[in-house]
Protein backbone atom coordinates (compact mmCIF):
# COMPACT_ATOMS: atom_id res chain seq x y z
CA MET A 1 101.13 110.89 193.28
CA THR A 2 100.62 111.76 189.68
CA LEU A 3 103.67 112.49 187.58
CA ASN A 4 103.02 114.92 184.75
CA GLY A 5 105.21 115.20 181.64
CA ILE A 6 109.06 114.89 181.40
CA LYS A 7 111.80 117.55 180.45
CA LYS A 8 113.84 117.64 177.31
CA LEU A 9 117.30 116.26 177.08
CA PRO A 10 119.94 116.42 178.09
CA VAL A 11 120.36 114.62 181.23
CA MET A 12 121.89 116.56 184.01
CA LEU A 13 124.48 114.94 186.74
CA ASP A 14 126.62 116.27 189.23
CA ASP A 15 129.99 115.32 188.98
CA LYS A 16 129.83 112.85 192.12
CA GLN A 17 127.01 110.75 190.16
CA ALA A 18 129.01 110.91 186.74
CA LEU A 19 132.21 109.67 188.06
CA ARG A 20 130.16 106.58 189.34
CA ILE A 21 128.18 106.38 186.42
CA TYR A 22 131.32 106.59 184.26
CA LYS A 23 133.29 104.08 186.05
CA ARG A 24 130.34 101.35 185.87
CA LEU A 25 130.13 102.65 181.58
CA ALA A 26 133.58 101.40 181.32
CA GLU A 27 133.24 97.93 182.82
CA VAL A 28 129.71 97.30 180.92
CA ASN A 29 131.20 98.60 177.68
CA LYS A 30 133.93 95.57 178.04
CA VAL A 31 131.67 92.94 178.80
CA LEU A 32 129.70 94.28 175.40
CA GLY A 33 132.55 93.90 173.25
CA LYS A 34 133.46 90.47 174.02
CA LEU A 35 130.25 89.60 173.46
CA ASP A 36 130.84 91.19 169.87
CA ALA A 37 133.74 89.38 169.56
CA VAL A 38 132.24 85.97 170.57
CA LEU A 39 129.41 86.18 168.39
CA GLU A 40 131.48 87.25 165.12
CA SER A 41 133.67 84.24 165.73
CA SER A 42 130.74 81.71 166.29
CA ILE A 43 130.16 78.81 163.92
CA ILE A 44 126.50 79.63 164.41
CA ASN A 45 126.38 83.10 164.42
CA THR A 46 123.52 83.50 162.21
CA SER A 47 121.23 80.72 163.50
CA ILE A 48 121.74 82.09 167.05
CA LEU A 49 120.84 85.54 166.21
CA SER A 50 117.94 84.77 165.09
CA LEU A 51 116.74 82.33 168.08
CA LEU A 52 118.03 85.03 170.34
CA SER A 53 115.56 87.87 168.24
CA TYR A 54 112.73 85.78 168.82
CA ASN A 55 113.60 84.97 172.48
CA GLU A 56 113.60 88.73 172.85
CA SER A 57 110.64 89.12 170.84
CA VAL A 58 109.04 86.47 173.85
CA GLN A 59 110.54 88.38 176.83
CA SER A 60 109.70 91.79 175.88
CA THR A 61 106.08 90.94 175.19
CA ARG A 62 105.97 88.88 178.40
CA ILE A 63 106.66 92.68 180.21
CA GLU A 64 103.50 93.82 178.60
CA GLY A 65 101.77 90.91 180.47
CA THR A 66 101.72 88.15 177.68
CA GLN A 67 102.02 84.40 178.66
CA VAL A 68 103.95 83.06 175.38
CA THR A 69 106.76 80.65 175.65
CA PHE A 70 109.86 80.93 173.47
CA HIS A 71 109.07 76.99 172.79
CA GLU A 72 105.46 77.82 171.55
CA ILE A 73 107.10 80.38 169.20
CA MET A 74 109.65 77.64 167.61
CA GLU A 75 106.49 75.11 167.44
CA ASN A 76 104.44 77.79 165.68
CA SER A 77 106.98 79.23 163.51
CA ARG A 78 106.25 76.48 160.86
CA THR A 79 102.51 76.50 161.58
CA GLY A 80 101.89 80.36 161.69
CA ALA A 81 100.53 82.46 164.89
CA LYS A 82 97.46 80.79 166.44
CA ASN A 83 96.46 83.83 168.65
CA TRP A 84 96.96 87.67 169.13
CA GLN A 85 99.57 86.97 171.74
CA GLN A 86 101.75 84.68 169.33
CA ARG A 87 101.04 87.35 166.61
CA GLU A 88 102.61 90.14 168.67
CA VAL A 89 105.78 88.01 169.13
CA PHE A 90 106.23 87.49 165.14
CA ASN A 91 105.71 91.23 164.97
CA TYR A 92 107.77 91.83 167.17
CA LYS A 93 110.55 89.86 165.51
CA ARG A 94 109.57 91.22 161.64
CA ALA A 95 110.19 94.86 163.36
CA ILE A 96 113.53 94.53 164.33
CA ASP A 97 114.56 92.49 161.14
CA PHE A 98 113.49 95.23 158.96
CA GLY A 99 115.15 98.33 161.58
CA PHE A 100 118.20 96.21 161.34
CA ASP A 101 117.77 96.26 157.65
CA GLN A 102 117.05 99.51 157.16
CA ILE A 103 120.04 100.55 159.29
CA GLN A 104 122.44 98.41 157.22
CA GLN A 105 121.14 100.52 154.28
CA GLY A 106 121.97 103.77 155.89
CA VAL A 107 118.81 104.89 157.11
CA PRO A 108 119.35 106.94 160.46
CA ILE A 109 116.60 105.85 163.76
CA THR A 110 114.05 109.08 163.06
CA THR A 111 110.32 109.37 163.44
CA ARG A 112 109.95 108.09 160.12
CA LEU A 113 111.69 104.89 160.78
CA LEU A 114 109.73 104.65 164.40
CA LYS A 115 106.59 105.05 162.72
CA SER A 116 107.36 102.34 160.33
CA LEU A 117 108.46 100.16 162.84
CA HIS A 118 105.40 100.60 164.80
CA LYS A 119 102.97 99.80 162.25
CA LEU A 120 104.69 96.20 161.72
CA LEU A 121 104.20 95.97 165.62
CA MET A 122 100.51 96.76 165.29
CA SER A 123 99.76 95.02 162.39
CA ASP A 124 97.85 91.35 161.46
CA GLU A 125 95.14 91.76 164.67
CA ALA A 126 98.17 92.12 167.56
CA ARG A 127 97.27 93.83 170.46
CA GLY A 128 96.85 97.48 170.04
CA THR A 129 95.37 97.08 166.42
CA THR A 130 92.65 99.32 167.13
CA SER A 131 94.87 102.29 167.69
CA ASN A 132 96.13 103.76 164.76
CA GLY A 133 99.59 102.02 163.45
CA GLY A 134 102.63 104.30 162.77
CA GLU A 135 100.63 107.52 163.75
CA PHE A 136 101.41 109.73 166.93
CA ARG A 137 98.54 109.42 169.58
CA LYS A 138 96.42 112.89 168.83
CA ILE A 139 94.72 112.37 172.42
CA GLN A 140 95.83 112.85 176.21
CA ASN A 141 97.24 109.41 177.44
CA PHE A 142 97.83 108.02 180.96
CA ILE A 143 99.45 105.18 182.76
CA GLY A 144 97.39 103.93 185.71
CA PRO A 145 95.92 100.99 187.34
CA ASP A 146 92.64 101.48 185.62
CA LYS A 147 90.91 103.72 182.83
CA ASN A 148 90.46 106.62 185.49
CA ILE A 149 93.02 109.17 184.63
CA GLU A 150 92.61 110.81 188.60
CA HIS A 151 94.28 107.21 189.44
CA ALA A 152 97.38 107.70 186.95
CA SER A 153 100.88 107.42 187.65
CA TYR A 154 102.09 109.08 185.16
CA ILE A 155 100.70 111.11 182.75
CA PRO A 156 102.75 111.96 179.80
CA ILE A 157 103.22 115.16 177.56
CA GLY A 158 100.03 116.72 175.50
CA ALA A 159 99.87 115.28 171.96
CA HIS A 160 100.35 119.05 170.69
CA GLU A 161 103.78 118.46 172.08
CA ILE A 162 104.87 115.50 170.87
CA GLY A 163 106.59 116.36 167.86
CA ASP A 164 109.10 118.71 169.79
CA TYR A 165 110.19 116.07 172.38
CA MET A 166 110.58 113.65 169.20
CA THR A 167 113.08 115.94 167.68
CA ASN A 168 115.03 116.30 170.63
CA LEU A 169 115.22 112.88 171.19
CA GLU A 170 115.82 112.16 167.38
CA PHE A 171 118.81 114.76 167.53
CA PHE A 172 120.31 112.82 170.25
CA ILE A 173 119.95 109.22 169.10
CA ASN A 174 121.82 110.25 166.39
CA GLY A 175 124.53 112.31 168.12
CA SER A 176 123.54 115.45 165.91
CA TYR A 177 123.41 119.07 167.78
CA HIS A 178 120.13 120.95 168.15
CA LYS A 179 119.61 124.23 169.64
CA SER A 180 116.89 122.43 171.93
CA LEU A 181 120.08 119.76 173.57
CA GLU A 182 121.73 123.15 174.58
CA VAL A 183 123.33 122.87 178.16
CA LYS A 184 122.21 125.68 180.44
CA ASP A 185 123.83 124.74 183.11
CA GLU A 186 127.92 124.31 182.86
CA THR A 187 128.60 123.04 186.61
CA GLN A 188 127.06 120.20 185.66
CA GLU A 189 127.96 117.05 183.77
CA ALA A 190 125.54 116.20 180.45
CA ILE A 191 124.50 113.11 179.10
CA ASN A 192 124.00 114.70 175.57
CA TYR A 193 124.22 113.98 171.84
CA ASP A 194 127.84 113.97 171.85
CA SER A 195 128.51 111.35 174.95
CA ASP A 196 129.09 107.65 174.67
CA ALA A 197 126.81 105.43 172.50
CA LEU A 198 125.14 103.14 175.70
CA LEU A 199 124.76 105.79 177.92
CA ARG A 200 122.54 107.60 174.91
CA ILE A 201 120.83 103.86 174.60
CA VAL A 202 120.33 104.13 178.33
CA VAL A 203 118.71 107.79 178.32
CA ALA A 204 116.99 107.28 174.78
CA HIS A 205 114.97 104.08 175.84
CA ALA A 206 113.33 106.27 178.96
CA GLN A 207 113.19 109.13 177.41
CA PHE A 208 110.60 107.70 174.64
CA GLU A 209 108.79 105.71 177.00
CA SER A 210 107.85 108.54 178.78
CA ILE A 211 107.23 111.14 175.65
CA HIS A 212 104.91 107.89 175.13
CA PRO A 213 104.25 108.83 171.71
CA PHE A 214 101.75 105.99 170.36
CA LEU A 215 98.56 104.81 172.19
CA ASP A 216 99.48 101.91 172.54
CA GLY A 217 103.29 99.46 171.53
CA ASN A 218 105.77 101.92 173.18
CA GLY A 219 106.94 99.38 175.29
CA ARG A 220 107.57 96.95 172.78
CA LEU A 221 109.02 99.70 170.17
CA GLY A 222 110.91 101.13 172.85
CA ARG A 223 113.08 98.23 173.36
CA ILE A 224 113.26 97.60 169.84
CA LEU A 225 115.07 101.26 169.71
CA ILE A 226 117.33 99.84 172.35
CA ALA A 227 118.91 97.21 170.04
CA LEU A 228 118.50 99.47 166.98
CA ILE A 229 120.76 102.40 168.35
CA ALA A 230 123.41 99.91 169.62
CA VAL A 231 123.87 98.82 166.05
CA GLN A 232 123.65 102.11 164.41
CA GLU A 233 125.88 103.66 166.96
CA ASN A 234 128.47 100.46 166.08
CA LEU A 235 128.22 99.37 169.78
CA LEU A 236 127.29 96.03 168.44
CA LYS A 237 127.60 94.82 164.74
CA HIS A 238 124.15 92.88 164.99
CA PRO A 239 120.85 94.08 166.96
CA ILE A 240 121.54 91.36 169.77
CA PHE A 241 120.93 94.46 172.94
CA PHE A 242 117.99 92.41 174.29
CA VAL A 243 117.30 93.43 177.59
CA SER A 244 114.21 92.67 177.93
CA GLU A 245 114.98 89.46 179.80
CA GLU A 246 116.88 90.96 182.21
CA LEU A 247 114.49 93.91 182.95
CA GLU A 248 111.16 91.22 182.97
CA LYS A 249 113.14 89.51 186.18
CA GLU A 250 112.80 92.84 187.88
CA ARG A 251 109.57 94.41 186.33
CA ILE A 252 108.54 96.57 189.49
CA ARG A 253 112.44 98.00 189.95
CA TYR A 254 112.29 98.81 186.43
CA TYR A 255 108.94 100.90 186.25
CA ASN A 256 109.75 102.40 189.46
CA ALA A 257 113.24 103.49 188.39
CA LEU A 258 111.39 104.66 185.21
CA ASN A 259 108.88 106.89 187.02
CA ALA A 260 112.23 108.65 188.88
CA THR A 261 112.74 109.83 185.42
CA ARG A 262 109.89 111.75 185.08
CA GLY A 263 108.35 115.20 186.52
CA GLU A 264 109.85 118.24 187.07
CA ASN A 265 112.43 116.99 189.29
CA PRO A 266 113.55 113.69 187.95
CA ASP A 267 116.40 111.60 189.03
CA TRP A 268 118.04 109.92 186.59
CA ASN A 269 120.60 107.77 189.16
CA PRO A 270 118.23 104.71 189.65
CA TRP A 271 117.51 104.39 185.98
CA LEU A 272 121.37 104.77 184.78
CA ASN A 273 122.02 102.21 187.53
CA LEU A 274 119.49 99.65 186.79
CA PHE A 275 119.74 100.11 183.22
CA LEU A 276 123.80 99.27 183.29
CA ASN A 277 123.38 96.19 185.56
CA ALA A 278 121.08 94.94 183.37
CA SER A 279 122.62 95.46 180.23
CA GLU A 280 125.78 93.50 181.87
CA GLN A 281 123.73 90.97 182.86
CA MET A 282 122.32 90.66 179.60
CA ALA A 283 125.88 90.41 177.73
CA LEU A 284 127.01 87.73 180.27
CA ASN A 285 123.61 85.87 179.71
CA ILE A 286 124.15 85.83 176.22
CA LEU A 287 127.58 84.87 176.06
CA LYS A 288 126.70 81.79 178.42
CA LYS A 289 123.74 80.85 175.77
CA ILE A 290 126.03 81.26 172.59
CA ASN A 291 128.66 79.05 174.24
CA LYS A 292 126.40 76.18 175.21
CA ALA A 293 124.91 76.28 171.71
CA GLU A 294 128.27 76.07 169.89
CA GLU A 295 129.28 73.13 172.12
CA HIS A 296 126.34 71.74 171.23
CA ALA A 297 126.63 72.22 167.64
CA ARG A 298 130.37 70.87 167.79
CA LYS A 299 129.49 68.03 169.92
CA GLY A 300 126.67 67.25 166.72
CA LEU A 301 129.35 67.80 164.01
CA GLU A 302 131.68 65.42 165.62
CA ILE A 303 128.72 62.80 165.89
CA CYS A 304 127.92 63.16 161.87
CA GLN A 305 129.35 60.93 159.71
CA THR A 306 128.93 62.75 156.49
CA GLN A 307 128.57 66.62 155.09
CA THR A 308 125.04 66.13 154.57
CA GLN A 309 124.30 64.83 158.03
CA LYS A 310 126.17 68.22 159.27
CA ASN A 311 124.63 70.41 157.27
CA VAL A 312 120.93 69.26 158.11
CA TRP A 313 122.45 69.10 161.86
CA LEU A 314 123.65 72.85 161.87
CA ALA A 315 120.22 73.77 160.14
CA THR A 316 118.08 72.64 163.26
CA PHE A 317 119.96 75.67 164.80
CA SER A 318 117.93 77.89 162.59
CA PHE A 319 115.02 76.01 162.81
CA PRO A 320 114.95 73.72 166.44
CA VAL A 321 111.40 72.57 165.57
CA ALA A 322 111.31 71.78 161.59
CA THR A 323 110.07 69.37 159.27
CA ALA A 324 111.80 67.56 156.51
CA SER A 325 110.44 69.54 153.93
CA GLN A 326 111.14 72.82 155.81
CA LEU A 327 114.88 71.81 156.14
CA SER A 328 114.77 70.55 152.55
CA ALA A 329 113.95 74.16 151.32
CA TYR A 330 116.53 75.47 153.83
CA THR A 331 119.22 73.34 152.73
CA SER A 332 118.60 72.37 149.00
CA TYR A 333 118.77 68.74 149.40
CA HIS A 334 116.19 66.57 148.59
CA SER A 335 113.45 65.96 151.13
CA ALA A 336 114.26 61.90 151.30
CA THR A 337 117.94 63.03 151.86
CA VAL A 338 117.04 65.42 154.71
CA LYS A 339 114.77 62.69 156.48
CA LYS A 340 117.24 60.09 156.50
CA ALA A 341 119.58 62.81 157.59
CA LEU A 342 117.47 63.26 160.68
CA ASP A 343 116.27 60.26 161.47
CA TYR A 344 120.15 59.35 161.82
CA LEU A 345 120.68 62.59 164.21
CA VAL A 346 117.68 60.97 166.34
CA GLU A 347 119.35 57.67 166.39
CA LYS A 348 122.37 59.23 167.85
CA GLN A 349 119.73 60.96 170.49
CA LEU A 350 120.71 64.38 168.99
CA LEU A 351 117.30 65.13 167.78
CA ASP A 352 113.89 64.17 168.83
CA ARG A 353 110.71 63.13 166.57
CA ASP A 354 107.33 63.12 167.35
CA ASN A 355 106.21 59.60 166.67
CA SER A 356 102.35 60.11 167.02
CA VAL A 357 102.29 62.63 163.81
CA ARG A 358 102.15 60.25 160.33
CA ARG A 359 102.68 63.02 157.77
CA ASN A 360 105.07 66.29 158.00
CA ILE A 361 106.97 64.86 161.23
CA PRO A 362 108.28 67.59 163.18
CA TYR A 363 111.92 66.95 164.66
CA TYR A 364 112.93 68.78 167.66
CA ASN A 365 116.31 70.35 168.93
CA TYR A 366 115.41 70.17 172.35
CA ASP A 367 118.91 70.74 173.86
CA LEU A 368 119.06 73.96 171.74
CA ILE A 369 115.69 75.24 172.86
CA ARG A 370 116.73 74.77 176.38
CA VAL A 371 119.91 76.88 175.97
CA ILE A 372 118.08 79.71 174.72
CA GLN A 373 115.10 79.77 176.69
CA ASN A 374 116.85 79.06 179.98
CA ASN A 375 117.37 82.76 182.32
């Protein structure tokens, strides 16, 4: 059966549904609060944020079929992307960083910002660069197993409706009233512009994916949107709401629940429950990664004998695969000084060195890489 279009927001729930959702919401918000606190107090919070962001970039693109690994991205972060799949991952990371910077400057999440982020995603010959980066589609698109619209599982709204639907979504995201968000049935509970931030994130992601405003890159941009709304609405202080890894584990359930929110008779319950569960698991998983990475960092600091060794050791938490010259630029130590510290860390079995290379020798913090990519 082909589903056609979507209803505008808000989302309406009956009282029993709303009660279950609000109870679950309180539990998930509590875990997210703990994640925020642990990250703030970590000695490696800046480093771990960057690595988790790269891992999110890998996981998000994997949902759409790429086969790049976190280890490969760390390996090529010093040499540059070697193919379109790696470029797609690096573009995703750039878009997250740009979006976070814009929000820190007080720029709200609007159509203009989303178009800028989309342009970044589509740059440098990544997948979808044949479509107009940063421009809404001007033709009808559809989602299905092949290029035949008759086999489509979902046909989004027409191109001429995108503006109205995006305005409706934009006001919803930013917690502002708009006439299109008026509640027509007072007997039901509405998830609306004035609802809890996490609930708005859950709904906004699904709605954006269903509007499908661009010819390509909607999935990637929709998942970036999750992290950015969380920061804008002060749910988290940093763009660490990285739920792609959890959604990737249940990809079919993810798409089935998303499809249930579409058409003339949407059912939001499967989606709300799936996303809240994934959010909780994400937070617990990231907490484990932060704690393990910090334990690894402190273990190394105890082994180091000089401040230089300690600083170089901590620098490998920003660059788990790096050369002495790279870490020299990062730490401002002379390259020979960094190399001496790195060799000491190898001697103490904290790092590994590629002895097959004679110049620009790469050093690996394998234990850290394993912590980040372990799901």
